[in-house]
Amino acid sequence: MSIMLRPTLDVMKNKITPGSIPPESIIFEEKNLKMIVYSGHDDDITQLIAFFNLTNNDLVPYASTFLFELHWKEISECADS
């Protein structure tokens, strides 16, 4: 897994299931964490696209963005929809 991606996925996993990641493995202070922002080059975006097997063999345009969002719903809301 990508070195850049691991901390973000660990934070998301720990938000879903608190305590699922050992505290010493988490590099961000999570208490009030709302967003993680990385800055990189087109090669970084290309690697993320390849990691998720989303490639269509096009070049990544200048100033591209790759976003991850974690959404939460009450279980009762899910049952109603």
PDB file of N, CA and C in Angstrom:
ATOM      1  N   MET A   1       0.839  -1.181   0.000  1.00  0.00           N
ATOM      2  CA  MET A   1       0.000   0.000   0.000  1.00  0.00           C
ATOM      3  C   MET A   1       0.882   1.241   0.000  1.00  0.00           C
ATOM      4  N   SER A   2       0.383   2.283  -0.602  1.00  0.00           N
ATOM      5  CA  SER A   2       1.107   3.538  -0.719  1.00  0.00           C
ATOM      6  C   SER A   2       1.491   4.099   0.650  1.00  0.00           C
ATOM      7  N   ILE A   3       2.723   4.582   0.766  1.00  0.00           N
ATOM      8  CA  ILE A   3       3.180   5.212   2.006  1.00  0.00           C
ATOM      9  C   ILE A   3       2.339   6.444   2.303  1.00  0.00           C
ATOM     10  N   MET A   4       1.921   7.139   1.257  1.00  0.00           N
ATOM     11  CA  MET A   4       1.107   8.343   1.424  1.00  0.00           C
ATOM     12  C   MET A   4      -0.328   7.998   1.821  1.00  0.00           C
ATOM     13  N   LEU A   5      -0.811   6.870   1.366  1.00  0.00           N
ATOM     14  CA  LEU A   5      -2.206   6.500   1.578  1.00  0.00           C
ATOM     15  C   LEU A   5      -2.455   5.856   2.941  1.00  0.00           C
ATOM     16  N   ARG A   6      -1.497   5.118   3.484  1.00  0.00           N
ATOM     17  CA  ARG A   6      -1.682   4.372   4.726  1.00  0.00           C
ATOM     18  C   ARG A   6      -2.182   5.236   5.892  1.00  0.00           C
ATOM     19  N   PRO A   7      -1.557   6.394   6.196  1.00  0.00           N
ATOM     20  CA  PRO A   7      -2.052   7.185   7.332  1.00  0.00           C
ATOM     21  C   PRO A   7      -3.493   7.641   7.166  1.00  0.00           C
ATOM     22  N   THR A   8      -3.881   8.011   5.954  1.00  0.00           N
ATOM     23  CA  THR A   8      -5.253   8.451   5.705  1.00  0.00           C
ATOM     24  C   THR A   8      -6.234   7.309   5.930  1.00  0.00           C
ATOM     25  N   LEU A   9      -5.939   6.139   5.401  1.00  0.00           N
ATOM     26  CA  LEU A   9      -6.831   4.991   5.587  1.00  0.00           C
ATOM     27  C   LEU A   9      -6.880   4.548   7.038  1.00  0.00           C
ATOM     28  N   ASP A  10      -5.749   4.657   7.756  1.00  0.00           N
ATOM     29  CA  ASP A  10      -5.746   4.325   9.183  1.00  0.00           C
ATOM     30  C   ASP A  10      -6.655   5.250   9.975  1.00  0.00           C
ATOM     31  N   VAL A  11      -6.606   6.545   9.665  1.00  0.00           N
ATOM     32  CA  VAL A  11      -7.480   7.509  10.347  1.00  0.00           C
ATOM     33  C   VAL A  11      -8.945   7.175  10.067  1.00  0.00           C
ATOM     34  N   MET A  12      -9.276   6.873   8.795  1.00  0.00           N
ATOM     35  CA  MET A  12     -10.657   6.536   8.440  1.00  0.00           C
ATOM     36  C   MET A  12     -11.108   5.265   9.155  1.00  0.00           C
ATOM     37  N   LYS A  13     -10.260   4.257   9.161  1.00  0.00           N
ATOM     38  CA  LYS A  13     -10.609   2.999   9.820  1.00  0.00           C
ATOM     39  C   LYS A  13     -10.837   3.214  11.308  1.00  0.00           C
ATOM     40  N   ASN A  14      -9.992   4.037  11.936  1.00  0.00           N
ATOM     41  CA  ASN A  14     -10.134   4.297  13.369  1.00  0.00           C
ATOM     42  C   ASN A  14     -11.367   5.144  13.668  1.00  0.00           C
ATOM     43  N   LYS A  15     -11.789   5.971  12.730  1.00  0.00           N
ATOM     44  CA  LYS A  15     -13.036   6.737  12.910  1.00  0.00           C
ATOM     45  C   LYS A  15     -14.241   5.803  12.870  1.00  0.00           C
ATOM     46  N   ILE A  16     -14.191   4.803  11.975  1.00  0.00           N
ATOM     47  CA  ILE A  16     -15.295   3.852  11.840  1.00  0.00           C
ATOM     48  C   ILE A  16     -15.338   2.912  13.038  1.00  0.00           C
ATOM     49  N   THR A  17     -14.183   2.386  13.420  1.00  0.00           N
ATOM     50  CA  THR A  17     -14.086   1.450  14.538  1.00  0.00           C
ATOM     51  C   THR A  17     -12.999   1.951  15.488  1.00  0.00           C
ATOM     52  N   PRO A  18     -13.366   2.789  16.475  1.00  0.00           N
ATOM     53  CA  PRO A  18     -12.363   3.332  17.400  1.00  0.00           C
ATOM     54  C   PRO A  18     -11.557   2.217  18.066  1.00  0.00           C
ATOM     55  N   GLY A  19     -10.252   2.420  18.123  1.00  0.00           N
ATOM     56  CA  GLY A  19      -9.364   1.450  18.739  1.00  0.00           C
ATOM     57  C   GLY A  19      -8.895   0.354  17.796  1.00  0.00           C
ATOM     58  N   SER A  20      -9.328   0.381  16.542  1.00  0.00           N
ATOM     59  CA  SER A  20      -8.954  -0.667  15.595  1.00  0.00           C
ATOM     60  C   SER A  20      -7.504  -0.545  15.135  1.00  0.00           C
ATOM     61  N   ILE A  21      -6.925   0.629  15.266  1.00  0.00           N
ATOM     62  CA  ILE A  21      -5.531   0.855  14.903  1.00  0.00           C
ATOM     63  C   ILE A  21      -4.772   1.163  16.197  1.00  0.00           C
ATOM     64  N   PRO A  22      -3.659   0.491  16.466  1.00  0.00           N
ATOM     65  CA  PRO A  22      -2.886   0.797  17.678  1.00  0.00           C
ATOM     66  C   PRO A  22      -2.483   2.270  17.710  1.00  0.00           C
ATOM     67  N   PRO A  23      -2.627   2.937  18.869  1.00  0.00           N
ATOM     68  CA  PRO A  23      -2.339   4.382  18.956  1.00  0.00           C
ATOM     69  C   PRO A  23      -0.946   4.756  18.459  1.00  0.00           C
ATOM     70  N   GLU A  24       0.040   3.892  18.665  1.00  0.00           N
ATOM     71  CA  GLU A  24       1.403   4.219  18.231  1.00  0.00           C
ATOM     72  C   GLU A  24       1.544   4.208  16.712  1.00  0.00           C
ATOM     73  N   SER A  25       0.573   3.623  16.011  1.00  0.00           N
ATOM     74  CA  SER A  25       0.627   3.574  14.547  1.00  0.00           C
ATOM     75  C   SER A  25       0.007   4.803  13.893  1.00  0.00           C
ATOM     76  N   ILE A  26      -0.745   5.572  14.646  1.00  0.00           N
ATOM     77  CA  ILE A  26      -1.453   6.725  14.098  1.00  0.00           C
ATOM     78  C   ILE A  26      -0.561   7.952  14.192  1.00  0.00           C
ATOM     79  N   ILE A  27      -0.332   8.601  13.060  1.00  0.00           N
ATOM     80  CA  ILE A  27       0.586   9.746  13.051  1.00  0.00           C
ATOM     81  C   ILE A  27      -0.136  11.092  13.139  1.00  0.00           C
ATOM     82  N   PHE A  28      -1.461  11.101  13.060  1.00  0.00           N
ATOM     83  CA  PHE A  28      -2.225  12.342  13.168  1.00  0.00           C
ATOM     84  C   PHE A  28      -2.947  12.379  14.506  1.00  0.00           C
ATOM     85  N   GLU A  29      -3.052  13.559  15.112  1.00  0.00           N
ATOM     86  CA  GLU A  29      -3.873  13.730  16.305  1.00  0.00           C
ATOM     87  C   GLU A  29      -5.318  13.777  15.829  1.00  0.00           C
ATOM     88  N   GLU A  30      -6.091  12.755  16.172  1.00  0.00           N
ATOM     89  CA  GLU A  30      -7.410  12.580  15.573  1.00  0.00           C
ATOM     90  C   GLU A  30      -8.560  13.290  16.266  1.00  0.00           C
ATOM     91  N   LYS A  31      -8.393  13.721  17.487  1.00  0.00           N
ATOM     92  CA  LYS A  31      -9.522  14.173  18.287  1.00  0.00           C
ATOM     93  C   LYS A  31     -10.465  15.112  17.527  1.00  0.00           C
ATOM     94  N   ASN A  32      -9.923  16.136  16.913  1.00  0.00           N
ATOM     95  CA  ASN A  32     -10.753  17.104  16.182  1.00  0.00           C
ATOM     96  C   ASN A  32     -10.436  17.126  14.699  1.00  0.00           C
ATOM     97  N   LEU A  33      -9.816  16.072  14.203  1.00  0.00           N
ATOM     98  CA  LEU A  33      -9.392  16.025  12.813  1.00  0.00           C
ATOM     99  C   LEU A  33     -10.595  15.984  11.868  1.00  0.00           C
ATOM    100  N   LYS A  34     -10.630  16.912  10.929  1.00  0.00           N
ATOM    101  CA  LYS A  34     -11.713  16.963   9.949  1.00  0.00           C
ATOM    102  C   LYS A  34     -11.215  16.733   8.532  1.00  0.00           C
ATOM    103  N   MET A  35      -9.934  16.995   8.287  1.00  0.00           N
ATOM    104  CA  MET A  35      -9.429  16.909   6.935  1.00  0.00           C
ATOM    105  C   MET A  35      -7.926  16.642   6.956  1.00  0.00           C
ATOM    106  N   ILE A  36      -7.474  15.867   5.984  1.00  0.00           N
ATOM    107  CA  ILE A  36      -6.048  15.653   5.757  1.00  0.00           C
ATOM    108  C   ILE A  36      -5.782  16.102   4.328  1.00  0.00           C
ATOM    109  N   VAL A  37      -4.814  16.968   4.151  1.00  0.00           N
ATOM    110  CA  VAL A  37      -4.505  17.493   2.823  1.00  0.00           C
ATOM    111  C   VAL A  37      -3.063  17.136   2.481  1.00  0.00           C
ATOM    112  N   TYR A  38      -2.871  16.560   1.314  1.00  0.00           N
ATOM    113  CA  TYR A  38      -1.545  16.275   0.788  1.00  0.00           C
ATOM    114  C   TYR A  38      -1.356  17.105  -0.469  1.00  0.00           C
ATOM    115  N   SER A  39      -0.153  17.520  -0.683  1.00  0.00           N
ATOM    116  CA  SER A  39       0.189  18.219  -1.912  1.00  0.00           C
ATOM    117  C   SER A  39       1.224  17.378  -2.643  1.00  0.00           C
ATOM    118  N   GLY A  40       1.097  17.297  -3.947  1.00  0.00           N
ATOM    119  CA  GLY A  40       2.035  16.476  -4.694  1.00  0.00           C
ATOM    120  C   GLY A  40       2.065  16.857  -6.155  1.00  0.00           C
ATOM    121  N   HIS A  41       2.636  15.983  -6.935  1.00  0.00           N
ATOM    122  CA  HIS A  41       2.788  16.191  -8.375  1.00  0.00           C
ATOM    123  C   HIS A  41       1.881  15.225  -9.136  1.00  0.00           C
ATOM    124  N   ASP A  42       1.847  15.372 -10.435  1.00  0.00           N
ATOM    125  CA  ASP A  42       1.022  14.495 -11.265  1.00  0.00           C
ATOM    126  C   ASP A  42       1.422  13.032 -11.099  1.00  0.00           C
ATOM    127  N   ASP A  43       2.695  12.771 -10.831  1.00  0.00           N
ATOM    128  CA  ASP A  43       3.133  11.388 -10.612  1.00  0.00           C
ATOM    129  C   ASP A  43       2.471  10.770  -9.380  1.00  0.00           C
ATOM    130  N   ASP A  44       2.249  11.593  -8.345  1.00  0.00           N
ATOM    131  CA  ASP A  44       1.577  11.095  -7.136  1.00  0.00           C
ATOM    132  C   ASP A  44       0.136  10.712  -7.440  1.00  0.00           C
ATOM    133  N   ILE A  45      -0.556  11.549  -8.192  1.00  0.00           N
ATOM    134  CA  ILE A  45      -1.939  11.258  -8.585  1.00  0.00           C
ATOM    135  C   ILE A  45      -1.972  10.012  -9.469  1.00  0.00           C
ATOM    136  N   THR A  46      -1.019   9.908 -10.377  1.00  0.00           N
ATOM    137  CA  THR A  46      -0.938   8.735 -11.254  1.00  0.00           C
ATOM    138  C   THR A  46      -0.788   7.458 -10.435  1.00  0.00           C
ATOM    139  N   GLN A  47       0.036   7.498  -9.392  1.00  0.00           N
ATOM    140  CA  GLN A  47       0.229   6.319  -8.540  1.00  0.00           C
ATOM    141  C   GLN A  47      -1.048   5.952  -7.794  1.00  0.00           C
ATOM    142  N   LEU A  48      -1.791   6.947  -7.305  1.00  0.00           N
ATOM    143  CA  LEU A  48      -3.065   6.665  -6.629  1.00  0.00           C
ATOM    144  C   LEU A  48      -4.074   6.052  -7.597  1.00  0.00           C
ATOM    145  N   ILE A  49      -4.136   6.585  -8.795  1.00  0.00           N
ATOM    146  CA  ILE A  49      -5.048   6.044  -9.812  1.00  0.00           C
ATOM    147  C   ILE A  49      -4.683   4.595 -10.125  1.00  0.00           C
ATOM    148  N   ALA A  50      -3.395   4.322 -10.262  1.00  0.00           N
ATOM    149  CA  ALA A  50      -2.942   2.956 -10.538  1.00  0.00           C
ATOM    150  C   ALA A  50      -3.230   2.040  -9.355  1.00  0.00           C
ATOM    151  N   PHE A  51      -3.031   2.532  -8.133  1.00  0.00           N
ATOM    152  CA  PHE A  51      -3.278   1.722  -6.940  1.00  0.00           C
ATOM    153  C   PHE A  51      -4.729   1.241  -6.884  1.00  0.00           C
ATOM    154  N   PHE A  52      -5.661   2.130  -7.239  1.00  0.00           N
ATOM    155  CA  PHE A  52      -7.081   1.771  -7.225  1.00  0.00           C
ATOM    156  C   PHE A  52      -7.551   1.164  -8.548  1.00  0.00           C
ATOM    157  N   ASN A  53      -6.617   0.919  -9.456  1.00  0.00           N
ATOM    158  CA  ASN A  53      -6.915   0.299 -10.746  1.00  0.00           C
ATOM    159  C   ASN A  53      -7.983   1.084 -11.519  1.00  0.00           C
ATOM    160  N   LEU A  54      -7.827   2.395 -11.536  1.00  0.00           N
ATOM    161  CA  LEU A  54      -8.781   3.280 -12.217  1.00  0.00           C
ATOM    162  C   LEU A  54      -8.222   3.838 -13.516  1.00  0.00           C
ATOM    163  N   THR A  55      -7.102   3.337 -13.943  1.00  0.00           N
ATOM    164  CA  THR A  55      -6.404   3.917 -15.082  1.00  0.00           C
ATOM    165  C   THR A  55      -7.162   3.744 -16.399  1.00  0.00           C
ATOM    166  N   ASN A  56      -7.091   4.793 -17.208  1.00  0.00           N
ATOM    167  CA  ASN A  56      -7.601   4.718 -18.576  1.00  0.00           C
ATOM    168  C   ASN A  56      -6.491   5.104 -19.558  1.00  0.00           C
ATOM    169  N   ASN A  57      -5.250   5.109 -19.060  1.00  0.00           N
ATOM    170  CA  ASN A  57      -4.039   5.395 -19.831  1.00  0.00           C
ATOM    171  C   ASN A  57      -3.946   6.828 -20.341  1.00  0.00           C
ATOM    172  N   ASP A  58      -4.770   7.736 -19.820  1.00  0.00           N
ATOM    173  CA  ASP A  58      -4.638   9.158 -20.150  1.00  0.00           C
ATOM    174  C   ASP A  58      -3.614   9.792 -19.213  1.00  0.00           C
ATOM    175  N   LEU A  59      -3.019  10.887 -19.656  1.00  0.00           N
ATOM    176  CA  LEU A  59      -2.131  11.640 -18.784  1.00  0.00           C
ATOM    177  C   LEU A  59      -2.959  12.392 -17.749  1.00  0.00           C
ATOM    178  N   VAL A  60      -2.423  12.524 -16.557  1.00  0.00           N
ATOM    179  CA  VAL A  60      -3.118  13.257 -15.496  1.00  0.00           C
ATOM    180  C   VAL A  60      -2.985  14.745 -15.789  1.00  0.00           C
ATOM    181  N   PRO A  61      -4.103  15.463 -15.869  1.00  0.00           N
ATOM    182  CA  PRO A  61      -4.033  16.900 -16.165  1.00  0.00           C
ATOM    183  C   PRO A  61      -3.352  17.685 -15.042  1.00  0.00           C
ATOM    184  N   TYR A  62      -2.773  18.804 -15.407  1.00  0.00           N
ATOM    185  CA  TYR A  62      -2.145  19.717 -14.455  1.00  0.00           C
ATOM    186  C   TYR A  62      -3.162  20.144 -13.402  1.00  0.00           C
ATOM    187  N   ALA A  63      -2.729  20.251 -12.157  1.00  0.00           N
ATOM    188  CA  ALA A  63      -3.548  20.695 -11.018  1.00  0.00           C
ATOM    189  C   ALA A  63      -4.710  19.743 -10.728  1.00  0.00           C
ATOM    190  N   SER A  64      -4.509  18.454 -10.925  1.00  0.00           N
ATOM    191  CA  SER A  64      -5.541  17.456 -10.629  1.00  0.00           C
ATOM    192  C   SER A  64      -5.670  17.252  -9.124  1.00  0.00           C
ATOM    193  N   THR A  65      -6.797  16.707  -8.721  1.00  0.00           N
ATOM    194  CA  THR A  65      -7.091  16.452  -7.314  1.00  0.00           C
ATOM    195  C   THR A  65      -7.646  15.054  -7.167  1.00  0.00           C
ATOM    196  N   PHE A  66      -7.282  14.395  -6.085  1.00  0.00           N
ATOM    197  CA  PHE A  66      -7.815  13.075  -5.745  1.00  0.00           C
ATOM    198  C   PHE A  66      -8.350  13.201  -4.331  1.00  0.00           C
ATOM    199  N   LEU A  67      -9.652  13.041  -4.153  1.00  0.00           N
ATOM    200  CA  LEU A  67     -10.279  13.244  -2.843  1.00  0.00           C
ATOM    201  C   LEU A  67     -10.788  11.943  -2.255  1.00  0.00           C
ATOM    202  N   PHE A  68     -10.667  11.823  -0.937  1.00  0.00           N
ATOM    203  CA  PHE A  68     -11.277  10.730  -0.184  1.00  0.00           C
ATOM    204  C   PHE A  68     -12.221  11.368   0.820  1.00  0.00           C
ATOM    205  N   GLU A  69     -13.435  10.867   0.887  1.00  0.00           N
ATOM    206  CA  GLU A  69     -14.387  11.366   1.872  1.00  0.00           C
ATOM    207  C   GLU A  69     -14.945  10.199   2.658  1.00  0.00           C
ATOM    208  N   LEU A  70     -15.119  10.423   3.937  1.00  0.00           N
ATOM    209  CA  LEU A  70     -15.724   9.428   4.802  1.00  0.00           C
ATOM    210  C   LEU A  70     -17.040  10.013   5.295  1.00  0.00           C
ATOM    211  N   HIS A  71     -18.139   9.364   4.941  1.00  0.00           N
ATOM    212  CA  HIS A  71     -19.464   9.830   5.348  1.00  0.00           C
ATOM    213  C   HIS A  71     -20.031   8.873   6.381  1.00  0.00           C
ATOM    214  N   TRP A  72     -20.824   9.425   7.289  1.00  0.00           N
ATOM    215  CA  TRP A  72     -21.391   8.639   8.371  1.00  0.00           C
ATOM    216  C   TRP A  72     -22.894   8.860   8.407  1.00  0.00           C
ATOM    217  N   LYS A  73     -23.625   7.782   8.595  1.00  0.00           N
ATOM    218  CA  LYS A  73     -25.074   7.839   8.721  1.00  0.00           C
ATOM    219  C   LYS A  73     -25.495   7.023   9.916  1.00  0.00           C
ATOM    220  N   GLU A  74     -26.505   7.482  10.612  1.00  0.00           N
ATOM    221  CA  GLU A  74     -27.101   6.678  11.678  1.00  0.00           C
ATOM    222  C   GLU A  74     -27.657   5.409  11.063  1.00  0.00           C
ATOM    223  N   ILE A  75     -27.564   4.307  11.779  1.00  0.00           N
ATOM    224  CA  ILE A  75     -28.104   3.039  11.262  1.00  0.00           C
ATOM    225  C   ILE A  75     -29.590   3.158  10.984  1.00  0.00           C
ATOM    226  N   SER A  76     -30.325   3.881  11.827  1.00  0.00           N
ATOM    227  CA  SER A  76     -31.770   4.036  11.601  1.00  0.00           C
ATOM    228  C   SER A  76     -32.053   4.778  10.306  1.00  0.00           C
ATOM    229  N   GLU A  77     -31.180   5.722   9.919  1.00  0.00           N
ATOM    230  CA  GLU A  77     -31.346   6.426   8.647  1.00  0.00           C
ATOM    231  C   GLU A  77     -31.169   5.485   7.472  1.00  0.00           C
ATOM    232  N   CYS A  78     -30.221   4.550   7.599  1.00  0.00           N
ATOM    233  CA  CYS A  78     -29.959   3.582   6.529  1.00  0.00           C
ATOM    234  C   CYS A  78     -31.142   2.640   6.349  1.00  0.00           C
ATOM    235  N   ALA A  79     -31.787   2.280   7.441  1.00  0.00           N
ATOM    236  CA  ALA A  79     -32.923   1.354   7.377  1.00  0.00           C
ATOM    237  C   ALA A  79     -34.124   2.004   6.704  1.00  0.00           C
ATOM    238  N   ASP A  80     -34.237   3.335   6.840  1.00  0.00           N
ATOM    239  CA  ASP A  80     -35.367   4.058   6.260  1.00  0.00           C
ATOM    240  C   ASP A  80     -35.237   4.260   4.763  1.00  0.00           C
ATOM    241  N   SER A  81     -34.003   4.221   4.227  1.00  0.00           N
ATOM    242  CA  SER A  81     -33.835   4.513   2.803  1.00  0.00           C
ATOM    243  C   SER A  81     -33.907   3.299   1.945  1.00  0.00           C
TER     244      SER A  81
END
